[in-house]
């Protein structure tokens, strides 16, 4: 018997006795337009089917690794499901903080019967990871900057060109992507970036390049910050997730455009924390069976321009739920947007993240 049936039956019995209580499920994600897309595509429909479940949205995914480590050490895991990038999923799995799952048991098959493991394919980068979307981190820029003399950035290295494109930048307050872009714009070939970053000299080279714009940079931690900084005119160019910029440009109609050059492809998805009681694990698995099926992943693309991780979902991507515009041209994978992409190496970052993070924070403090 599915948990949803059990929940509904339990609700009926509780209501009959006058003692109905909601089952809280804390789901952790990134906030802003992304959490809104999940709420519309997954959370609300699931709660409509399961009126005895109350989903609590937490926006702490940027701190997921540190917080799950602390919860595990304290023996008090308060999160039920966590949205993380692939490299963090690998780290959490390696540290025993994320639960290994059988994807073909926990997740629904495609409509034609293709097992989930085949439908998600190579995007299942860890036994603990449940892919949701393919996204990119890229740049948005103001289209009304008078000091630019009619020029518009079209190359990733324009971010480092303060003479042609003066003004404040915003970059994420972590090394990922920033050090790769810095090396690319300091003459390192795309295929050599990670081998260079493995060396002390390569790391110093990346930080030296970032030094050239450090005093003109606003550092962000949440994906919603750069869109707000751009909308307020506090920065003229800034990095964030492509779906956040889509919302800013197409939904809010701000004078902002996309700089797709050297966009960094990455994966995002769910992990189930270890240390949960059996009843909470059962509840989470029931949610996942619903929220990661072919239709639901396609539904998320109605609200934000991220590519669904299932092969079977791609043909179902249509128009934006409110704007009525075709979403395919706004996906990072669209050929016009993907002429020059940088493939994020999540396995490399899983190995080097803690060390480079520490060096990056020390550099920021200088």
Protein backbone atom coordinates (compact mmCIF):
# COMPACT_ATOMS: atom_id res chain seq x y z
CA UNK A 1 0.00 0.00 0.00
CA UNK A 2 1.40 3.40 -0.94
CA UNK A 3 2.13 5.86 1.84
CA UNK A 4 -0.26 8.35 0.26
CA UNK A 5 -3.11 5.87 0.80
CA UNK A 6 -1.99 5.27 4.36
CA UNK A 7 -1.82 9.01 5.03
CA UNK A 8 -5.27 9.64 3.61
CA UNK A 9 -6.76 6.73 5.52
CA UNK A 10 -5.05 7.91 8.70
CA UNK A 11 -6.37 11.40 8.14
CA UNK A 12 -9.93 10.11 7.80
CA UNK A 13 -9.65 8.15 11.03
CA UNK A 14 -8.11 11.09 12.86
CA UNK A 15 -10.78 13.47 11.62
CA UNK A 16 -13.46 11.02 12.71
CA UNK A 17 -11.99 11.11 16.21
CA UNK A 18 -11.57 14.89 16.07
CA UNK A 19 -7.79 14.74 16.39
CA UNK A 20 -6.37 15.33 12.92
CA UNK A 21 -2.79 16.56 12.89
CA UNK A 22 -0.62 17.54 9.94
CA UNK A 23 2.60 15.72 9.14
CA UNK A 24 5.35 18.31 8.61
CA UNK A 25 7.97 17.61 5.94
CA UNK A 26 10.92 20.01 5.81
CA UNK A 27 12.30 20.34 2.29
CA UNK A 28 15.47 22.37 1.82
CA UNK A 29 16.19 24.28 -1.38
CA UNK A 30 17.68 27.51 -2.75
CA UNK A 31 14.90 30.07 -2.40
CA UNK A 32 13.75 32.69 -4.91
CA UNK A 33 12.41 31.76 -8.33
CA UNK A 34 13.77 28.22 -8.04
CA UNK A 35 11.92 27.35 -4.84
CA UNK A 36 8.83 28.99 -6.33
CA UNK A 37 9.06 26.68 -9.35
CA UNK A 38 9.32 23.64 -7.07
CA UNK A 39 6.41 24.87 -5.01
CA UNK A 40 4.23 25.23 -8.10
CA UNK A 41 5.28 22.02 -9.84
CA UNK A 42 5.74 19.66 -6.87
CA UNK A 43 4.82 20.86 -3.40
CA UNK A 44 1.34 22.29 -3.99
CA UNK A 45 0.10 19.39 -6.15
CA UNK A 46 1.49 16.88 -3.66
CA UNK A 47 -0.19 18.57 -0.70
CA UNK A 48 -3.46 18.68 -2.62
CA UNK A 49 -3.23 14.90 -3.04
CA UNK A 50 -2.05 14.49 0.57
CA UNK A 51 -3.96 17.02 2.73
CA UNK A 52 -2.39 15.58 5.88
CA UNK A 53 1.12 16.57 4.74
CA UNK A 54 2.44 20.08 5.35
CA UNK A 55 5.62 20.93 3.41
CA UNK A 56 7.89 23.45 5.14
CA UNK A 57 10.25 25.27 2.78
CA UNK A 58 13.77 25.92 4.04
CA UNK A 59 16.16 27.97 1.87
CA UNK A 60 19.48 26.76 3.33
CA UNK A 61 20.84 24.66 0.45
CA UNK A 62 23.92 26.87 0.09
CA UNK A 63 24.94 25.71 3.58
CA UNK A 64 23.69 22.14 3.25
CA UNK A 65 27.00 20.32 3.71
CA UNK A 66 28.04 22.21 6.86
CA UNK A 67 24.58 22.03 8.41
CA UNK A 68 24.10 18.33 7.73
CA UNK A 69 27.50 17.63 9.24
CA UNK A 70 26.47 19.56 12.36
CA UNK A 71 23.06 17.87 12.58
CA UNK A 72 24.62 14.44 12.22
CA UNK A 73 27.19 15.17 14.91
CA UNK A 74 24.44 16.39 17.24
CA UNK A 75 22.27 13.36 16.43
CA UNK A 76 19.35 15.62 15.50
CA UNK A 77 18.53 15.66 11.78
CA UNK A 78 15.63 18.08 11.26
CA UNK A 79 15.61 18.13 7.46
CA UNK A 80 13.67 15.52 5.47
CA UNK A 81 14.85 16.19 1.92
CA UNK A 82 17.64 18.43 0.64
CA UNK A 83 18.24 19.97 -2.78
CA UNK A 84 21.98 20.06 -3.56
CA UNK A 85 24.35 20.35 -6.49
CA UNK A 86 25.95 17.14 -7.73
CA UNK A 87 29.38 17.72 -6.19
CA UNK A 88 27.85 18.28 -2.76
CA UNK A 89 25.75 15.12 -3.18
CA UNK A 90 28.93 13.14 -3.85
CA UNK A 91 30.60 14.59 -0.75
CA UNK A 92 27.59 13.94 1.46
CA UNK A 93 27.32 10.39 0.14
CA UNK A 94 31.03 9.72 0.71
CA UNK A 95 30.72 11.02 4.28
CA UNK A 96 27.68 8.85 5.03
CA UNK A 97 25.42 11.89 5.44
CA UNK A 98 23.17 11.06 2.48
CA UNK A 99 21.23 7.84 2.04
CA UNK A 100 21.99 5.43 -0.79
CA UNK A 101 18.88 4.51 -2.76
CA UNK A 102 17.77 2.08 -5.45
CA UNK A 103 16.63 4.54 -8.10
CA UNK A 104 14.40 1.99 -9.86
CA UNK A 105 12.57 1.22 -6.61
CA UNK A 106 12.26 4.72 -5.17
CA UNK A 107 11.51 6.57 -8.43
CA UNK A 108 8.76 6.07 -10.99
CA UNK A 109 9.51 4.54 -14.38
CA UNK A 110 9.00 6.62 -17.53
CA UNK A 111 5.54 6.44 -19.14
CA UNK A 112 6.81 3.86 -21.64
CA UNK A 113 8.14 1.66 -18.85
CA UNK A 114 11.80 2.69 -19.10
CA UNK A 115 13.33 2.28 -15.62
CA UNK A 116 14.22 5.48 -13.81
CA UNK A 117 17.93 4.62 -13.84
CA UNK A 118 17.88 4.52 -17.65
CA UNK A 119 15.64 7.59 -17.98
CA UNK A 120 18.02 9.70 -15.85
CA UNK A 121 21.04 7.90 -17.32
CA UNK A 122 24.50 9.39 -16.71
CA UNK A 123 23.04 12.21 -14.62
CA UNK A 124 22.87 9.79 -11.68
CA UNK A 125 26.39 10.63 -10.53
CA UNK A 126 26.05 9.06 -7.08
CA UNK A 127 24.04 6.29 -5.47
CA UNK A 128 22.66 8.97 -3.14
CA UNK A 129 21.76 11.54 -5.83
CA UNK A 130 18.35 12.01 -7.47
CA UNK A 131 18.76 14.43 -10.41
CA UNK A 132 16.14 17.12 -11.01
CA UNK A 133 17.47 19.67 -13.43
CA UNK A 134 20.34 20.70 -15.68
CA UNK A 135 21.11 24.35 -15.11
CA UNK A 136 23.92 26.77 -15.71
CA UNK A 137 25.62 29.52 -13.79
CA UNK A 138 26.07 32.48 -16.07
CA UNK A 139 25.96 36.26 -16.10
CA UNK A 140 23.29 38.89 -16.50
CA UNK A 141 24.09 42.52 -17.30
CA UNK A 142 22.25 45.81 -17.34
CA UNK A 143 21.40 47.00 -20.84
CA UNK A 144 21.19 50.69 -19.88
CA UNK A 145 24.70 51.46 -18.58
CA UNK A 146 25.65 54.88 -19.97
CA UNK A 147 29.36 54.47 -19.15
CA UNK A 148 29.65 51.55 -21.59
CA UNK A 149 29.27 53.81 -24.64
CA UNK A 150 26.87 51.48 -26.39
CA UNK A 151 29.06 48.40 -25.92
CA UNK A 152 27.57 45.19 -24.56
CA UNK A 153 29.50 42.27 -23.06
CA UNK A 154 29.57 39.17 -25.21
CA UNK A 155 32.63 37.35 -23.85
CA UNK A 156 33.19 35.93 -20.37
CA UNK A 157 36.40 37.95 -20.08
CA UNK A 158 34.40 41.17 -20.34
CA UNK A 159 33.57 40.53 -16.68
CA UNK A 160 37.24 41.27 -15.93
CA UNK A 161 37.41 44.31 -18.26
CA UNK A 162 36.79 47.26 -15.95
CA UNK A 163 37.97 49.77 -18.56
CA UNK A 164 35.40 48.92 -21.23
CA UNK A 165 32.68 47.85 -18.79
CA UNK A 166 33.12 49.86 -15.58
CA UNK A 167 30.85 49.26 -12.60
CA UNK A 168 30.22 46.84 -9.78
CA UNK A 169 30.11 43.09 -10.38
CA UNK A 170 28.49 40.38 -8.27
CA UNK A 171 30.09 36.96 -7.86
CA UNK A 172 29.20 34.02 -5.68
CA UNK A 173 30.96 33.90 -2.32
CA UNK A 174 32.68 30.60 -3.05
CA UNK A 175 35.48 29.52 -5.39
CA UNK A 176 33.42 27.28 -7.69
CA UNK A 177 33.07 28.82 -11.16
CA UNK A 178 34.96 31.96 -10.16
CA UNK A 179 38.36 30.30 -10.25
CA UNK A 180 37.53 28.53 -13.53
CA UNK A 181 36.47 31.80 -15.20
CA UNK A 182 39.54 33.55 -13.80
CA UNK A 183 41.90 31.00 -15.35
CA UNK A 184 40.05 31.03 -18.69
CA UNK A 185 40.47 34.81 -18.78
CA UNK A 186 44.13 34.55 -17.83
CA UNK A 187 44.95 32.47 -20.88
CA UNK A 188 44.48 28.91 -19.62
CA UNK A 189 42.93 26.57 -22.21
CA UNK A 190 39.52 25.19 -21.33
CA UNK A 191 40.73 21.59 -21.26
CA UNK A 192 43.60 22.47 -18.90
CA UNK A 193 41.69 24.40 -16.25
CA UNK A 194 41.32 21.63 -13.68
CA UNK A 195 44.85 20.29 -14.08
CA UNK A 196 46.14 23.83 -13.52
CA UNK A 197 43.86 24.27 -10.48
CA UNK A 198 45.37 21.18 -8.87
CA UNK A 199 48.63 23.07 -8.40
CA UNK A 200 49.50 25.76 -5.87
CA UNK A 201 50.70 27.94 -8.74
CA UNK A 202 47.42 27.53 -10.60
CA UNK A 203 45.38 28.45 -7.57
CA UNK A 204 47.54 31.54 -7.01
CA UNK A 205 47.06 32.45 -10.68
CA UNK A 206 43.27 32.26 -10.33
CA UNK A 207 43.24 34.40 -7.18
CA UNK A 208 45.57 36.95 -8.81
CA UNK A 209 43.13 37.33 -11.70
CA UNK A 210 40.21 37.71 -9.29
CA UNK A 211 42.26 40.37 -7.47
CA UNK A 212 41.85 42.59 -10.55
CA UNK A 213 38.11 42.99 -9.87
CA UNK A 214 37.95 42.23 -6.15
CA UNK A 215 37.37 45.82 -5.03
CA UNK A 216 34.53 46.15 -7.56
CA UNK A 217 32.77 42.94 -6.50
CA UNK A 218 29.70 42.35 -4.35
CA UNK A 219 29.70 38.78 -3.03
CA UNK A 220 26.47 36.79 -2.95
CA UNK A 221 25.44 33.61 -1.13
CA UNK A 222 21.82 33.12 -2.27
CA UNK A 223 20.84 32.81 -5.93
CA UNK A 224 18.16 35.50 -5.55
CA UNK A 225 20.71 38.19 -4.63
CA UNK A 226 22.21 38.96 -8.05
CA UNK A 227 18.80 39.48 -9.72
CA UNK A 228 17.89 41.94 -6.96
CA UNK A 229 21.26 43.70 -7.20
CA UNK A 230 20.83 44.03 -10.97
CA UNK A 231 17.24 45.23 -10.65
CA UNK A 232 18.29 47.87 -8.09
CA UNK A 233 21.23 48.99 -10.22
CA UNK A 234 23.71 48.20 -7.45
CA UNK A 235 25.73 46.06 -9.87
CA UNK A 236 25.99 46.24 -13.66
CA UNK A 237 26.95 42.62 -14.27
CA UNK A 238 26.63 39.58 -12.06
CA UNK A 239 26.62 35.80 -11.96
CA UNK A 240 23.75 33.61 -10.85
CA UNK A 241 21.68 30.68 -12.08
CA UNK A 242 20.17 31.05 -15.52
CA UNK A 243 16.63 30.45 -14.25
CA UNK A 244 16.89 33.39 -11.84
CA UNK A 245 17.92 35.64 -14.71
CA UNK A 246 15.05 34.32 -16.84
CA UNK A 247 12.62 35.42 -14.11
CA UNK A 248 14.26 38.84 -13.90
CA UNK A 249 14.23 39.42 -17.66
CA UNK A 250 11.03 37.76 -18.87
CA UNK A 251 8.76 37.93 -15.83
CA UNK A 252 9.90 41.18 -14.19
CA UNK A 253 10.80 42.89 -17.49
CA UNK A 254 13.97 44.44 -16.07
CA UNK A 255 16.52 46.04 -18.47
CA UNK A 256 18.84 43.05 -18.20
CA UNK A 257 20.22 40.63 -20.79
CA UNK A 258 21.98 37.26 -20.63
CA UNK A 259 25.67 36.65 -21.21
CA UNK A 260 25.71 32.96 -22.12
CA UNK A 261 29.43 32.76 -22.98
CA UNK A 262 31.26 30.17 -20.84
CA UNK A 263 28.11 29.34 -18.93
CA UNK A 264 28.89 26.51 -16.54
CA UNK A 265 26.64 23.47 -16.82
CA UNK A 266 25.80 21.68 -13.59
CA UNK A 267 23.29 19.26 -12.09
CA UNK A 268 20.97 19.80 -9.19
CA UNK A 269 18.88 17.25 -7.34
CA UNK A 270 17.75 15.65 -4.11
CA UNK A 271 19.45 13.72 -1.33
CA UNK A 272 17.76 12.08 1.66
CA UNK A 273 19.72 12.76 4.86
CA UNK A 274 20.80 9.75 6.88
CA UNK A 275 19.59 9.47 10.44
CA UNK A 276 15.87 9.93 9.79
CA UNK A 277 13.30 7.69 11.50
CA UNK A 278 11.68 5.07 9.26
CA UNK A 279 8.34 6.85 9.08
CA UNK A 280 9.99 10.06 7.83
CA UNK A 281 12.01 8.14 5.24
CA UNK A 282 8.80 6.48 4.03
CA UNK A 283 7.11 9.88 3.73
CA UNK A 284 10.02 11.33 1.78
CA UNK A 285 10.10 8.38 -0.62
CA UNK A 286 6.41 8.79 -1.31
CA UNK A 287 6.98 12.45 -2.10
CA UNK A 288 9.92 11.61 -4.38
CA UNK A 289 7.91 9.00 -6.32
CA UNK A 290 5.49 11.81 -7.21
CA UNK A 291 7.79 14.82 -7.53
CA UNK A 292 10.41 13.23 -9.80
CA UNK A 293 8.15 11.52 -12.32
CA UNK A 294 8.23 12.45 -16.00
CA UNK A 295 5.31 14.89 -15.92
CA UNK A 296 6.35 16.70 -12.74
CA UNK A 297 9.88 17.40 -14.01
CA UNK A 298 8.41 18.74 -17.25
CA UNK A 299 5.97 20.84 -15.21
CA UNK A 300 8.81 22.62 -13.42
CA UNK A 301 10.03 23.92 -16.78
CA UNK A 302 6.73 25.82 -17.06
CA UNK A 303 7.95 28.09 -14.28
CA UNK A 304 11.72 28.34 -14.71
CA UNK A 305 14.19 27.81 -17.56
CA UNK A 306 16.01 24.72 -16.31
CA UNK A 307 16.21 21.54 -18.35
CA UNK A 308 14.50 18.50 -16.76
CA UNK A 309 16.87 15.68 -15.88
CA UNK A 310 14.70 12.87 -17.29
CA UNK A 311 15.00 12.11 -21.00
CA UNK A 312 11.27 11.38 -21.11
CA UNK A 313 10.44 14.86 -19.75
CA UNK A 314 12.12 16.87 -22.50
CA UNK A 315 9.40 16.37 -25.17
CA UNK A 316 6.77 17.56 -22.67
CA UNK A 317 8.43 20.96 -22.07
CA UNK A 318 6.11 23.55 -23.53
CA UNK A 319 5.16 27.10 -22.73
CA UNK A 320 5.58 29.16 -19.59
CA UNK A 321 2.56 28.71 -17.34
CA UNK A 322 1.82 32.44 -17.09
CA UNK A 323 3.71 34.18 -19.91
CA UNK A 324 2.69 31.77 -22.66
CA UNK A 325 6.15 31.88 -24.25
CA UNK A 326 8.01 28.87 -25.61
CA UNK A 327 10.48 27.79 -22.93
CA UNK A 328 12.88 25.79 -25.12
CA UNK A 329 14.88 28.85 -26.38
CA UNK A 330 15.47 29.91 -22.78
CA UNK A 331 17.06 26.64 -21.72
CA UNK A 332 20.83 26.61 -21.19
CA UNK A 333 21.01 23.59 -23.50
CA UNK A 334 19.48 25.45 -26.47
CA UNK A 335 22.04 25.44 -29.35
CA UNK A 336 22.01 29.23 -29.59
CA UNK A 337 22.88 29.53 -25.91
CA UNK A 338 25.37 26.67 -25.74
CA UNK A 339 27.89 27.77 -28.36
CA UNK A 340 30.65 28.03 -25.74
CA UNK A 341 29.96 26.17 -22.51
CA UNK A 342 32.20 25.12 -19.67
CA UNK A 343 31.54 21.67 -18.21
CA UNK A 344 31.69 21.79 -14.44
CA UNK A 345 33.75 18.92 -13.03
CA UNK A 346 31.74 17.86 -9.98
CA UNK A 347 34.01 14.91 -9.20
CA UNK A 348 37.07 17.21 -9.09
CA UNK A 349 35.26 19.60 -6.78
CA UNK A 350 34.11 16.77 -4.53
CA UNK A 351 37.79 15.96 -3.98
CA UNK A 352 39.19 19.50 -3.70
CA UNK A 353 36.28 21.55 -2.36
CA UNK A 354 37.22 21.84 1.31
CA UNK A 355 40.83 22.82 0.55
CA UNK A 356 39.97 25.40 -2.12
CA UNK A 357 37.11 26.75 0.01
CA UNK A 358 39.50 27.45 2.88
CA UNK A 359 41.96 29.20 0.59
CA UNK A 360 39.18 31.24 -1.02
CA UNK A 361 37.84 32.44 2.32
CA UNK A 362 41.37 33.38 3.40
CA UNK A 363 41.79 35.32 0.13
CA UNK A 364 38.50 37.13 0.67
CA UNK A 365 39.59 38.18 4.16
CA UNK A 366 42.83 39.74 2.91
